[in-house]
Amino acid sequence: MNGRDAAGLSPFEAFATLRHLRVTMKQLRLLLGFVIASAKARSSP
């Protein structure tokens, strides 16, 4: 990490990391919702 520790993030880097995390969480939630919905559909008679 170019000679700086994690606490030395620039505001832009911190913002980009936060955005990336939010997008990842959104994708995980969508995926989880899809898996749960398909499991429910499969278990219904």
N, C-alpha and C. Protein backbone atom coordinates (compact mmCIF):
# COMPACT_ATOMS: atom_id res chain seq x y z
N MET A 1 0.84 -1.21 0.00
CA MET A 1 0.00 0.00 0.00
C MET A 1 0.87 1.25 0.00
N ASN A 2 1.46 1.53 -1.09
CA ASN A 2 2.30 2.72 -1.34
C ASN A 2 2.75 3.51 -0.11
N GLY A 3 3.30 2.80 0.88
CA GLY A 3 3.94 3.46 2.01
C GLY A 3 3.00 4.08 3.03
N ARG A 4 1.70 3.92 2.85
CA ARG A 4 0.76 4.47 3.83
C ARG A 4 -0.02 3.34 4.48
N ASP A 5 -0.45 3.54 5.72
CA ASP A 5 -1.27 2.51 6.35
C ASP A 5 -2.74 2.76 6.01
N ALA A 6 -3.61 1.85 6.44
CA ALA A 6 -5.03 1.94 6.07
C ALA A 6 -5.67 3.22 6.60
N ALA A 7 -5.15 3.74 7.71
CA ALA A 7 -5.73 4.95 8.29
C ALA A 7 -5.39 6.18 7.45
N GLY A 8 -4.44 6.04 6.52
CA GLY A 8 -4.02 7.18 5.72
C GLY A 8 -4.76 7.30 4.39
N LEU A 9 -5.98 6.78 4.33
CA LEU A 9 -6.76 6.89 3.10
C LEU A 9 -7.15 8.34 2.83
N SER A 10 -7.12 8.71 1.57
CA SER A 10 -7.64 10.03 1.21
C SER A 10 -9.17 9.96 1.26
N PRO A 11 -9.83 11.10 1.39
CA PRO A 11 -11.30 11.08 1.42
C PRO A 11 -11.89 10.38 0.19
N PHE A 12 -11.28 10.60 -0.97
CA PHE A 12 -11.80 9.96 -2.18
C PHE A 12 -11.67 8.45 -2.10
N GLU A 13 -10.51 7.98 -1.62
CA GLU A 13 -10.30 6.53 -1.50
C GLU A 13 -11.29 5.93 -0.51
N ALA A 14 -11.50 6.62 0.61
CA ALA A 14 -12.44 6.12 1.61
C ALA A 14 -13.86 6.06 1.04
N PHE A 15 -14.23 7.11 0.28
CA PHE A 15 -15.56 7.15 -0.32
C PHE A 15 -15.74 6.03 -1.33
N ALA A 16 -14.71 5.81 -2.16
CA ALA A 16 -14.77 4.75 -3.16
C ALA A 16 -14.90 3.38 -2.50
N THR A 17 -14.18 3.19 -1.39
CA THR A 17 -14.26 1.91 -0.68
C THR A 17 -15.65 1.71 -0.09
N LEU A 18 -16.21 2.77 0.50
CA LEU A 18 -17.55 2.68 1.06
C LEU A 18 -18.57 2.35 -0.01
N ARG A 19 -18.45 3.03 -1.16
CA ARG A 19 -19.39 2.78 -2.25
C ARG A 19 -19.29 1.34 -2.72
N HIS A 20 -18.07 0.85 -2.83
CA HIS A 20 -17.86 -0.52 -3.27
C HIS A 20 -18.50 -1.51 -2.29
N LEU A 21 -18.33 -1.23 -0.99
CA LEU A 21 -18.93 -2.09 0.03
C LEU A 21 -20.45 -2.08 -0.06
N ARG A 22 -21.02 -0.87 -0.27
CA ARG A 22 -22.47 -0.77 -0.35
C ARG A 22 -23.00 -1.53 -1.55
N VAL A 23 -22.31 -1.43 -2.68
CA VAL A 23 -22.73 -2.16 -3.88
C VAL A 23 -22.65 -3.66 -3.64
N THR A 24 -21.57 -4.09 -2.98
CA THR A 24 -21.40 -5.52 -2.71
C THR A 24 -22.52 -6.02 -1.80
N MET A 25 -22.86 -5.25 -0.77
CA MET A 25 -23.93 -5.65 0.13
C MET A 25 -25.26 -5.75 -0.61
N LYS A 26 -25.50 -4.79 -1.52
CA LYS A 26 -26.73 -4.80 -2.29
C LYS A 26 -26.81 -6.06 -3.15
N GLN A 27 -25.69 -6.41 -3.79
CA GLN A 27 -25.65 -7.60 -4.63
C GLN A 27 -25.89 -8.85 -3.81
N LEU A 28 -25.26 -8.91 -2.62
CA LEU A 28 -25.43 -10.07 -1.76
C LEU A 28 -26.89 -10.21 -1.32
N ARG A 29 -27.52 -9.07 -1.00
CA ARG A 29 -28.90 -9.10 -0.56
C ARG A 29 -29.82 -9.58 -1.69
N LEU A 30 -29.55 -9.09 -2.91
CA LEU A 30 -30.33 -9.53 -4.06
C LEU A 30 -30.17 -11.03 -4.27
N LEU A 31 -28.93 -11.48 -4.20
CA LEU A 31 -28.64 -12.90 -4.42
C LEU A 31 -29.33 -13.75 -3.36
N LEU A 32 -29.23 -13.30 -2.10
CA LEU A 32 -29.85 -14.04 -1.01
C LEU A 32 -31.37 -14.09 -1.19
N GLY A 33 -31.96 -12.96 -1.56
CA GLY A 33 -33.40 -12.92 -1.80
C GLY A 33 -33.81 -13.87 -2.90
N PHE A 34 -33.01 -13.94 -3.95
CA PHE A 34 -33.31 -14.83 -5.07
C PHE A 34 -33.23 -16.29 -4.63
N VAL A 35 -32.20 -16.61 -3.86
CA VAL A 35 -32.03 -17.99 -3.38
C VAL A 35 -33.20 -18.39 -2.49
N ILE A 36 -33.59 -17.49 -1.58
CA ILE A 36 -34.70 -17.79 -0.67
C ILE A 36 -36.00 -17.96 -1.45
N ALA A 37 -36.24 -17.08 -2.42
CA ALA A 37 -37.46 -17.15 -3.22
C ALA A 37 -37.52 -18.45 -4.01
N SER A 38 -36.40 -18.84 -4.60
CA SER A 38 -36.39 -20.07 -5.39
C SER A 38 -36.55 -21.30 -4.48
N ALA A 39 -36.00 -21.22 -3.27
CA ALA A 39 -36.15 -22.33 -2.33
C ALA A 39 -37.61 -22.47 -1.91
N LYS A 40 -38.27 -21.33 -1.67
CA LYS A 40 -39.69 -21.36 -1.31
C LYS A 40 -40.51 -21.93 -2.46
N ALA A 41 -40.21 -21.50 -3.67
CA ALA A 41 -40.95 -21.98 -4.84
C ALA A 41 -40.78 -23.49 -5.01
N ARG A 42 -39.57 -23.96 -4.73
CA ARG A 42 -39.29 -25.38 -4.89
C ARG A 42 -40.00 -26.21 -3.81
N SER A 43 -40.11 -25.67 -2.60
CA SER A 43 -40.67 -26.45 -1.50
C SER A 43 -42.19 -26.44 -1.51
N SER A 44 -42.80 -25.51 -2.25
CA SER A 44 -44.26 -25.49 -2.30
C SER A 44 -44.77 -26.60 -3.21
N PRO A 45 -45.85 -27.25 -2.84
CA PRO A 45 -46.35 -28.41 -3.60
C PRO A 45 -46.92 -28.01 -4.96
